[in-house]
């Protein structure tokens, strides 16, 4: 059981960290630098559309891996004496994760197609909206990860 828990933990942490890191990189490096490199808004949008093509399925695949490994971890590492605080933390982590996935889905299937077909005048509004959503996703995923660490620490203190 320990090797399964280890494999699930590694998968869970690495995939979540990759999603979190990709979002932070996109917002702090890629988008600002692309805007500096290209002088015309249309060129920046063309680059972002090209880079984003097909990414939603990779992100959703990562979310499935995070969810499956998270459920597996909850099952394999369930404390024998379940403190109410641990359940609250796991519930909070799940809620934060589901909010992030829902926000990603809304952005991916509703807002992104609208942005692709936006006029030049509409692009600044979409950029502001996407920045707000991206930072919201970063906060949600980061909080979910922090709550997961707190739950893990609490669980380990119950085991000893």
N, C-alpha and C. Protein backbone atom coordinates (compact mmCIF):
# COMPACT_ATOMS: atom_id res chain seq x y z
N UNK A 1 0.82 -1.19 0.00
CA UNK A 1 0.00 0.00 0.00
C UNK A 1 0.87 1.26 0.00
N UNK A 2 2.03 1.20 0.65
CA UNK A 2 2.91 2.37 0.72
C UNK A 2 3.42 2.77 -0.67
N UNK A 3 3.74 1.79 -1.52
CA UNK A 3 4.24 2.14 -2.86
C UNK A 3 3.12 2.74 -3.71
N UNK A 4 1.88 2.26 -3.55
CA UNK A 4 0.76 2.85 -4.27
C UNK A 4 0.53 4.29 -3.81
N UNK A 5 0.57 4.50 -2.50
CA UNK A 5 0.39 5.85 -1.97
C UNK A 5 1.51 6.78 -2.47
N UNK A 6 2.72 6.28 -2.54
CA UNK A 6 3.84 7.07 -3.05
C UNK A 6 3.63 7.43 -4.52
N UNK A 7 3.24 6.45 -5.33
CA UNK A 7 3.00 6.71 -6.75
C UNK A 7 1.87 7.72 -6.95
N UNK A 8 0.80 7.56 -6.18
CA UNK A 8 -0.31 8.51 -6.27
C UNK A 8 0.11 9.91 -5.84
N UNK A 9 0.90 9.99 -4.78
CA UNK A 9 1.38 11.29 -4.29
C UNK A 9 2.25 11.98 -5.33
N UNK A 10 3.17 11.24 -5.91
CA UNK A 10 4.06 11.82 -6.92
C UNK A 10 3.25 12.30 -8.12
N UNK A 11 2.34 11.48 -8.60
CA UNK A 11 1.50 11.87 -9.73
C UNK A 11 0.70 13.12 -9.40
N UNK A 12 0.04 13.10 -8.26
CA UNK A 12 -0.82 14.21 -7.84
C UNK A 12 -0.04 15.52 -7.76
N UNK A 13 1.10 15.49 -7.11
CA UNK A 13 1.89 16.71 -6.90
C UNK A 13 2.50 17.20 -8.22
N UNK A 14 3.08 16.31 -8.99
CA UNK A 14 3.73 16.74 -10.23
C UNK A 14 2.73 17.30 -11.24
N UNK A 15 1.60 16.66 -11.41
CA UNK A 15 0.63 17.14 -12.39
C UNK A 15 0.02 18.47 -11.94
N UNK A 16 -0.31 18.58 -10.66
CA UNK A 16 -0.86 19.85 -10.16
C UNK A 16 0.19 20.96 -10.26
N UNK A 17 1.43 20.64 -9.94
CA UNK A 17 2.50 21.65 -10.03
C UNK A 17 2.72 22.07 -11.48
N UNK A 18 2.61 21.14 -12.42
CA UNK A 18 2.76 21.48 -13.84
C UNK A 18 1.66 22.43 -14.28
N UNK A 19 0.42 22.16 -13.88
CA UNK A 19 -0.70 23.04 -14.24
C UNK A 19 -0.48 24.43 -13.63
N UNK A 20 -0.17 24.46 -12.36
CA UNK A 20 0.06 25.72 -11.66
C UNK A 20 1.22 26.48 -12.31
N UNK A 21 2.32 25.80 -12.54
CA UNK A 21 3.49 26.44 -13.13
C UNK A 21 3.24 26.96 -14.54
N UNK A 22 2.50 26.21 -15.32
CA UNK A 22 2.18 26.65 -16.69
C UNK A 22 1.35 27.93 -16.66
N UNK A 23 0.41 28.00 -15.73
CA UNK A 23 -0.42 29.22 -15.63
C UNK A 23 0.42 30.42 -15.19
N UNK A 24 1.28 30.22 -14.20
CA UNK A 24 2.12 31.32 -13.72
C UNK A 24 3.07 31.78 -14.83
N UNK A 25 3.69 30.83 -15.53
CA UNK A 25 4.58 31.17 -16.64
C UNK A 25 3.83 31.95 -17.73
N UNK A 26 2.65 31.48 -18.06
CA UNK A 26 1.87 32.13 -19.10
C UNK A 26 1.57 33.59 -18.75
N UNK A 27 1.20 33.82 -17.49
CA UNK A 27 0.81 35.17 -17.08
C UNK A 27 1.99 36.09 -16.79
N UNK A 28 3.10 35.55 -16.34
CA UNK A 28 4.21 36.41 -15.93
C UNK A 28 5.31 36.54 -16.98
N UNK A 29 5.36 35.58 -17.92
CA UNK A 29 6.41 35.62 -18.93
C UNK A 29 5.83 35.67 -20.35
N UNK A 30 5.05 34.67 -20.71
CA UNK A 30 4.61 34.53 -22.10
C UNK A 30 3.78 35.72 -22.59
N UNK A 31 2.68 36.02 -21.92
CA UNK A 31 1.81 37.10 -22.38
C UNK A 31 2.51 38.47 -22.38
N UNK A 32 3.20 38.83 -21.30
CA UNK A 32 3.87 40.14 -21.34
C UNK A 32 4.95 40.22 -22.44
N UNK A 33 5.72 39.16 -22.61
CA UNK A 33 6.78 39.19 -23.61
C UNK A 33 6.22 39.17 -25.03
N UNK A 34 5.15 38.42 -25.23
CA UNK A 34 4.53 38.39 -26.57
C UNK A 34 4.03 39.78 -26.94
N UNK A 35 3.46 40.48 -25.97
CA UNK A 35 2.97 41.83 -26.24
C UNK A 35 4.11 42.79 -26.55
N UNK A 36 5.27 42.59 -25.94
CA UNK A 36 6.43 43.43 -26.23
C UNK A 36 7.03 43.12 -27.60
N UNK A 37 7.01 41.85 -27.96
CA UNK A 37 7.65 41.41 -29.20
C UNK A 37 6.86 41.86 -30.43
N UNK A 38 5.55 41.67 -30.35
CA UNK A 38 4.70 42.02 -31.49
C UNK A 38 4.12 43.41 -31.28
N UNK A 39 4.20 44.22 -32.30
CA UNK A 39 3.69 45.59 -32.19
C UNK A 39 2.20 45.67 -32.53
N UNK A 40 1.72 44.75 -33.36
CA UNK A 40 0.30 44.78 -33.74
C UNK A 40 -0.47 43.77 -32.88
N UNK A 41 -1.64 44.20 -32.36
CA UNK A 41 -2.48 43.33 -31.54
C UNK A 41 -2.84 42.04 -32.27
N UNK A 42 -3.09 42.13 -33.56
CA UNK A 42 -3.46 40.95 -34.33
C UNK A 42 -2.38 39.90 -34.34
N UNK A 43 -1.13 40.33 -34.34
CA UNK A 43 -0.02 39.39 -34.32
C UNK A 43 0.07 38.67 -32.98
N UNK A 44 -0.13 39.42 -31.89
CA UNK A 44 -0.11 38.81 -30.56
C UNK A 44 -1.23 37.79 -30.45
N UNK A 45 -2.41 38.17 -30.90
CA UNK A 45 -3.56 37.26 -30.84
C UNK A 45 -3.31 36.02 -31.68
N UNK A 46 -2.72 36.17 -32.85
CA UNK A 46 -2.42 35.01 -33.71
C UNK A 46 -1.46 34.06 -33.01
N UNK A 47 -0.44 34.60 -32.34
CA UNK A 47 0.49 33.76 -31.60
C UNK A 47 -0.22 33.02 -30.47
N UNK A 48 -1.03 33.74 -29.69
CA UNK A 48 -1.72 33.11 -28.56
C UNK A 48 -2.71 32.05 -29.02
N UNK A 49 -3.38 32.30 -30.12
CA UNK A 49 -4.31 31.31 -30.67
C UNK A 49 -3.54 30.06 -31.10
N UNK A 50 -2.41 30.26 -31.76
CA UNK A 50 -1.59 29.13 -32.21
C UNK A 50 -1.08 28.32 -31.02
N UNK A 51 -0.58 29.01 -30.00
CA UNK A 51 -0.05 28.31 -28.82
C UNK A 51 -1.14 27.59 -28.04
N UNK A 52 -2.32 28.14 -28.03
CA UNK A 52 -3.41 27.58 -27.22
C UNK A 52 -4.18 26.47 -27.93
N UNK A 53 -3.97 26.33 -29.22
CA UNK A 53 -4.73 25.35 -29.99
C UNK A 53 -4.55 23.94 -29.41
N UNK A 54 -5.63 23.33 -28.96
CA UNK A 54 -5.61 21.98 -28.43
C UNK A 54 -5.20 21.87 -26.97
N UNK A 55 -4.87 22.99 -26.35
CA UNK A 55 -4.40 22.95 -24.96
C UNK A 55 -5.50 22.55 -23.99
N UNK A 56 -6.76 22.86 -24.30
CA UNK A 56 -7.83 22.54 -23.35
C UNK A 56 -7.87 21.05 -23.04
N UNK A 57 -7.59 20.21 -24.02
CA UNK A 57 -7.65 18.77 -23.78
C UNK A 57 -6.47 18.30 -22.94
N UNK A 58 -5.34 18.93 -23.09
CA UNK A 58 -4.19 18.60 -22.25
C UNK A 58 -4.46 19.01 -20.80
N UNK A 59 -5.03 20.19 -20.62
CA UNK A 59 -5.36 20.66 -19.26
C UNK A 59 -6.44 19.77 -18.65
N UNK A 60 -7.46 19.44 -19.41
CA UNK A 60 -8.50 18.56 -18.86
C UNK A 60 -7.96 17.18 -18.55
N UNK A 61 -7.05 16.68 -19.37
CA UNK A 61 -6.40 15.41 -19.06
C UNK A 61 -5.61 15.50 -17.76
N UNK A 62 -4.92 16.61 -17.57
CA UNK A 62 -4.19 16.82 -16.32
C UNK A 62 -5.16 16.88 -15.14
N UNK A 63 -6.29 17.54 -15.33
CA UNK A 63 -7.29 17.64 -14.26
C UNK A 63 -7.84 16.25 -13.90
N UNK A 64 -8.03 15.41 -14.89
CA UNK A 64 -8.48 14.04 -14.62
C UNK A 64 -7.42 13.29 -13.81
N UNK A 65 -6.15 13.43 -14.19
CA UNK A 65 -5.07 12.79 -13.43
C UNK A 65 -5.02 13.32 -11.99
N UNK A 66 -5.19 14.62 -11.82
CA UNK A 66 -5.21 15.21 -10.48
C UNK A 66 -6.37 14.63 -9.67
N UNK A 67 -7.55 14.55 -10.29
CA UNK A 67 -8.73 14.05 -9.59
C UNK A 67 -8.58 12.57 -9.23
N UNK A 68 -8.15 11.76 -10.17
CA UNK A 68 -8.03 10.32 -9.93
C UNK A 68 -6.96 10.04 -8.87
N UNK A 69 -5.82 10.70 -8.98
CA UNK A 69 -4.78 10.49 -7.98
C UNK A 69 -5.22 11.04 -6.62
N UNK A 70 -5.98 12.13 -6.61
CA UNK A 70 -6.48 12.68 -5.35
C UNK A 70 -7.47 11.76 -4.66
N UNK A 71 -8.37 11.19 -5.43
CA UNK A 71 -9.32 10.21 -4.86
C UNK A 71 -8.56 8.99 -4.36
N UNK A 72 -7.60 8.54 -5.15
CA UNK A 72 -6.78 7.40 -4.72
C UNK A 72 -6.03 7.69 -3.44
N UNK A 73 -5.50 8.89 -3.32
CA UNK A 73 -4.79 9.27 -2.09
C UNK A 73 -5.73 9.34 -0.90
N UNK A 74 -6.92 9.88 -1.11
CA UNK A 74 -7.90 9.95 -0.02
C UNK A 74 -8.25 8.55 0.48
N UNK A 75 -8.38 7.61 -0.46
CA UNK A 75 -8.73 6.24 -0.08
C UNK A 75 -7.56 5.53 0.61
N UNK A 76 -6.37 5.64 0.01
CA UNK A 76 -5.23 4.89 0.56
C UNK A 76 -4.65 5.50 1.82
N UNK A 77 -4.89 6.78 2.04
CA UNK A 77 -4.28 7.43 3.21
C UNK A 77 -5.31 7.92 4.21
N UNK A 78 -6.53 7.40 4.13
CA UNK A 78 -7.59 7.80 5.04
C UNK A 78 -7.15 7.52 6.48
N UNK A 79 -7.15 8.55 7.33
CA UNK A 79 -6.72 8.31 8.72
C UNK A 79 -7.67 7.36 9.44
N UNK A 80 -7.09 6.53 10.29
CA UNK A 80 -7.94 5.58 11.03
C UNK A 80 -8.88 6.33 11.96
N UNK A 81 -8.40 7.35 12.59
CA UNK A 81 -9.26 8.22 13.40
C UNK A 81 -9.39 9.52 12.60
N UNK A 82 -10.52 9.68 11.92
CA UNK A 82 -10.70 10.81 11.01
C UNK A 82 -11.09 12.06 11.80
N UNK A 83 -10.17 13.02 11.92
CA UNK A 83 -10.53 14.26 12.60
C UNK A 83 -11.42 15.11 11.70
N UNK A 84 -12.35 15.81 12.31
CA UNK A 84 -13.27 16.67 11.55
C UNK A 84 -12.50 17.70 10.73
N UNK A 85 -11.40 18.20 11.27
CA UNK A 85 -10.60 19.20 10.56
C UNK A 85 -10.06 18.64 9.25
N UNK A 86 -9.63 17.37 9.26
CA UNK A 86 -9.12 16.75 8.05
C UNK A 86 -10.21 16.68 6.98
N UNK A 87 -11.42 16.30 7.39
CA UNK A 87 -12.53 16.24 6.44
C UNK A 87 -12.85 17.61 5.87
N UNK A 88 -12.80 18.64 6.71
CA UNK A 88 -13.06 20.01 6.24
C UNK A 88 -11.99 20.42 5.23
N UNK A 89 -10.73 20.11 5.52
CA UNK A 89 -9.65 20.46 4.60
C UNK A 89 -9.79 19.74 3.26
N UNK A 90 -10.10 18.45 3.31
CA UNK A 90 -10.27 17.70 2.06
C UNK A 90 -11.47 18.25 1.28
N UNK A 91 -12.54 18.57 1.99
CA UNK A 91 -13.71 19.17 1.32
C UNK A 91 -13.38 20.52 0.71
N UNK A 92 -12.60 21.33 1.41
CA UNK A 92 -12.20 22.64 0.89
C UNK A 92 -11.31 22.48 -0.34
N UNK A 93 -10.39 21.52 -0.27
CA UNK A 93 -9.50 21.27 -1.41
C UNK A 93 -10.32 20.84 -2.63
N UNK A 94 -11.25 19.95 -2.41
CA UNK A 94 -12.11 19.49 -3.51
C UNK A 94 -12.92 20.65 -4.09
N UNK A 95 -13.49 21.48 -3.23
CA UNK A 95 -14.29 22.62 -3.70
C UNK A 95 -13.43 23.59 -4.52
N UNK A 96 -12.23 23.90 -4.04
CA UNK A 96 -11.33 24.79 -4.77
C UNK A 96 -10.96 24.21 -6.13
N UNK A 97 -10.66 22.91 -6.15
CA UNK A 97 -10.30 22.24 -7.40
C UNK A 97 -11.47 22.26 -8.39
N UNK A 98 -12.67 21.95 -7.90
CA UNK A 98 -13.84 21.94 -8.79
C UNK A 98 -14.15 23.33 -9.31
N UNK A 99 -13.97 24.35 -8.49
CA UNK A 99 -14.17 25.73 -8.96
C UNK A 99 -13.16 26.06 -10.06
N UNK A 100 -11.90 25.65 -9.88
CA UNK A 100 -10.88 25.91 -10.89
C UNK A 100 -11.21 25.19 -12.21
N UNK A 101 -11.63 23.94 -12.12
CA UNK A 101 -11.97 23.19 -13.33
C UNK A 101 -13.19 23.81 -14.02
N UNK A 102 -14.19 24.20 -13.24
CA UNK A 102 -15.38 24.84 -13.82
C UNK A 102 -15.02 26.16 -14.50
N UNK A 103 -14.20 26.96 -13.85
CA UNK A 103 -13.78 28.24 -14.43
C UNK A 103 -12.97 28.01 -15.70
N UNK A 104 -12.09 27.01 -15.67
CA UNK A 104 -11.32 26.68 -16.87
C UNK A 104 -12.27 26.25 -17.99
N UNK A 105 -13.24 25.40 -17.67
CA UNK A 105 -14.19 24.94 -18.69
C UNK A 105 -14.99 26.09 -19.28
N UNK A 106 -15.47 26.98 -18.45
CA UNK A 106 -16.23 28.15 -18.94
C UNK A 106 -15.35 29.00 -19.85
N UNK A 107 -14.14 29.23 -19.43
CA UNK A 107 -13.22 30.05 -20.22
C UNK A 107 -12.89 29.36 -21.54
N UNK A 108 -12.65 28.07 -21.48
CA UNK A 108 -12.22 27.33 -22.65
C UNK A 108 -13.33 27.18 -23.70
N UNK A 109 -14.56 26.91 -23.24
CA UNK A 109 -15.63 26.64 -24.21
C UNK A 109 -16.53 27.83 -24.50
N UNK A 110 -16.50 28.84 -23.66
CA UNK A 110 -17.36 30.01 -23.89
C UNK A 110 -16.55 31.25 -24.27
N UNK A 111 -15.60 31.61 -23.42
CA UNK A 111 -14.89 32.87 -23.65
C UNK A 111 -13.83 32.77 -24.75
N UNK A 112 -13.12 31.65 -24.83
CA UNK A 112 -12.07 31.52 -25.84
C UNK A 112 -12.62 31.62 -27.26
N UNK A 113 -13.69 30.89 -27.61
CA UNK A 113 -14.22 31.05 -28.97
C UNK A 113 -14.66 32.49 -29.26
N UNK A 114 -15.22 33.17 -28.27
CA UNK A 114 -15.61 34.56 -28.47
C UNK A 114 -14.38 35.43 -28.72
N UNK A 115 -13.30 35.14 -28.01
CA UNK A 115 -12.06 35.91 -28.20
C UNK A 115 -11.48 35.67 -29.57
N UNK A 116 -11.51 34.44 -30.03
CA UNK A 116 -10.96 34.12 -31.35
C UNK A 116 -11.66 34.92 -32.45
N UNK A 117 -12.96 35.14 -32.29
CA UNK A 117 -13.72 35.86 -33.31
C UNK A 117 -13.97 37.33 -32.97
N UNK A 118 -13.27 37.82 -31.96
CA UNK A 118 -13.45 39.21 -31.54
C UNK A 118 -12.88 40.19 -32.55
N UNK A 119 -13.46 41.36 -32.57
CA UNK A 119 -12.93 42.43 -33.41
C UNK A 119 -11.71 43.05 -32.72
N UNK A 120 -10.97 43.81 -33.46
CA UNK A 120 -9.78 44.47 -32.91
C UNK A 120 -10.15 45.34 -31.70
N UNK A 121 -11.29 45.99 -31.75
CA UNK A 121 -11.72 46.86 -30.66
C UNK A 121 -12.10 46.06 -29.41
N UNK A 122 -12.54 44.82 -29.57
CA UNK A 122 -12.96 43.99 -28.43
C UNK A 122 -11.79 43.31 -27.72
N UNK A 123 -10.66 43.19 -28.38
CA UNK A 123 -9.52 42.44 -27.84
C UNK A 123 -9.06 42.96 -26.46
N UNK A 124 -8.92 44.27 -26.24
CA UNK A 124 -8.48 44.72 -24.91
C UNK A 124 -9.40 44.27 -23.77
N UNK A 125 -10.70 44.23 -24.03
CA UNK A 125 -11.65 43.77 -23.00
C UNK A 125 -11.42 42.29 -22.72
N UNK A 126 -11.23 41.50 -23.77
CA UNK A 126 -10.96 40.08 -23.59
C UNK A 126 -9.64 39.86 -22.85
N UNK A 127 -8.64 40.64 -23.16
CA UNK A 127 -7.35 40.48 -22.47
C UNK A 127 -7.50 40.74 -20.97
N UNK A 128 -8.22 41.79 -20.62
CA UNK A 128 -8.45 42.07 -19.19
C UNK A 128 -9.21 40.94 -18.53
N UNK A 129 -10.24 40.46 -19.20
CA UNK A 129 -11.05 39.36 -18.65
C UNK A 129 -10.20 38.11 -18.47
N UNK A 130 -9.40 37.79 -19.46
CA UNK A 130 -8.55 36.60 -19.38
C UNK A 130 -7.48 36.74 -18.29
N UNK A 131 -6.94 37.94 -18.12
CA UNK A 131 -5.97 38.15 -17.03
C UNK A 131 -6.63 37.91 -15.67
N UNK A 132 -7.82 38.44 -15.50
CA UNK A 132 -8.55 38.25 -14.24
C UNK A 132 -8.83 36.77 -14.00
N UNK A 133 -9.28 36.08 -15.02
CA UNK A 133 -9.57 34.65 -14.89
C UNK A 133 -8.29 33.86 -14.64
N UNK A 134 -7.22 34.20 -15.34
CA UNK A 134 -5.96 33.47 -15.14
C UNK A 134 -5.47 33.63 -13.71
N UNK A 135 -5.49 34.85 -13.18
CA UNK A 135 -5.05 35.04 -11.80
C UNK A 135 -6.00 34.35 -10.83
N UNK A 136 -7.27 34.33 -11.14
CA UNK A 136 -8.23 33.60 -10.30
C UNK A 136 -7.92 32.10 -10.29
N UNK A 137 -7.60 31.55 -11.45
CA UNK A 137 -7.22 30.14 -11.53
C UNK A 137 -5.95 29.86 -10.76
N UNK A 138 -4.98 30.75 -10.87
CA UNK A 138 -3.73 30.58 -10.13
C UNK A 138 -4.00 30.56 -8.63
N UNK A 139 -4.84 31.47 -8.17
CA UNK A 139 -5.17 31.53 -6.74
C UNK A 139 -5.92 30.27 -6.32
N UNK A 140 -6.93 29.85 -7.10
CA UNK A 140 -7.71 28.66 -6.75
C UNK A 140 -6.83 27.41 -6.69
N UNK A 141 -6.01 27.20 -7.70
CA UNK A 141 -5.15 26.01 -7.73
C UNK A 141 -4.09 26.09 -6.64
N UNK A 142 -3.51 27.26 -6.45
CA UNK A 142 -2.52 27.42 -5.38
C UNK A 142 -3.11 27.17 -4.01
N UNK A 143 -4.30 27.69 -3.76
CA UNK A 143 -4.96 27.44 -2.48
C UNK A 143 -5.30 25.96 -2.31
N UNK A 144 -5.76 25.32 -3.37
CA UNK A 144 -6.07 23.89 -3.29
C UNK A 144 -4.82 23.10 -2.93
N UNK A 145 -3.69 23.48 -3.51
CA UNK A 145 -2.44 22.79 -3.20
C UNK A 145 -2.03 23.04 -1.75
N UNK A 146 -2.16 24.27 -1.28
CA UNK A 146 -1.80 24.59 0.10
C UNK A 146 -2.70 23.87 1.10
N UNK A 147 -3.99 23.80 0.80
CA UNK A 147 -4.92 23.08 1.68
C UNK A 147 -4.59 21.60 1.69
N UNK A 148 -4.20 21.06 0.54
CA UNK A 148 -3.79 19.65 0.46
C UNK A 148 -2.58 19.37 1.33
N UNK A 149 -1.62 20.28 1.32
CA UNK A 149 -0.44 20.11 2.17
C UNK A 149 -0.86 20.15 3.64
N UNK A 150 -1.74 21.09 4.00
CA UNK A 150 -2.21 21.17 5.39
C UNK A 150 -2.92 19.89 5.80
N UNK A 151 -3.74 19.34 4.90
CA UNK A 151 -4.44 18.08 5.20
C UNK A 151 -3.45 16.94 5.38
N UNK A 152 -2.42 16.92 4.56
CA UNK A 152 -1.40 15.86 4.65
C UNK A 152 -0.64 15.96 5.98
N UNK A 153 -0.28 17.17 6.37
CA UNK A 153 0.43 17.37 7.63
C UNK A 153 -0.46 16.94 8.79
N UNK A 154 -1.73 17.32 8.75
CA UNK A 154 -2.66 16.92 9.79
C UNK A 154 -2.80 15.39 9.85
N UNK A 155 -2.92 14.77 8.70
CA UNK A 155 -3.04 13.32 8.66
C UNK A 155 -1.82 12.64 9.24
N UNK A 156 -0.65 13.16 8.91
CA UNK A 156 0.59 12.57 9.45
C UNK A 156 0.66 12.74 10.96
N UNK A 157 0.14 13.84 11.48
CA UNK A 157 0.17 14.03 12.93
C UNK A 157 -0.80 13.07 13.62
N UNK A 158 -1.86 12.67 12.93
CA UNK A 158 -2.82 11.70 13.48
C UNK A 158 -2.21 10.31 13.49
N UNK A 159 -1.40 9.99 12.47
CA UNK A 159 -0.77 8.67 12.36
C UNK A 159 0.24 8.41 13.48
N UNK A 160 0.88 9.46 13.97
CA UNK A 160 1.94 9.24 14.96
C UNK A 160 1.43 9.27 16.37
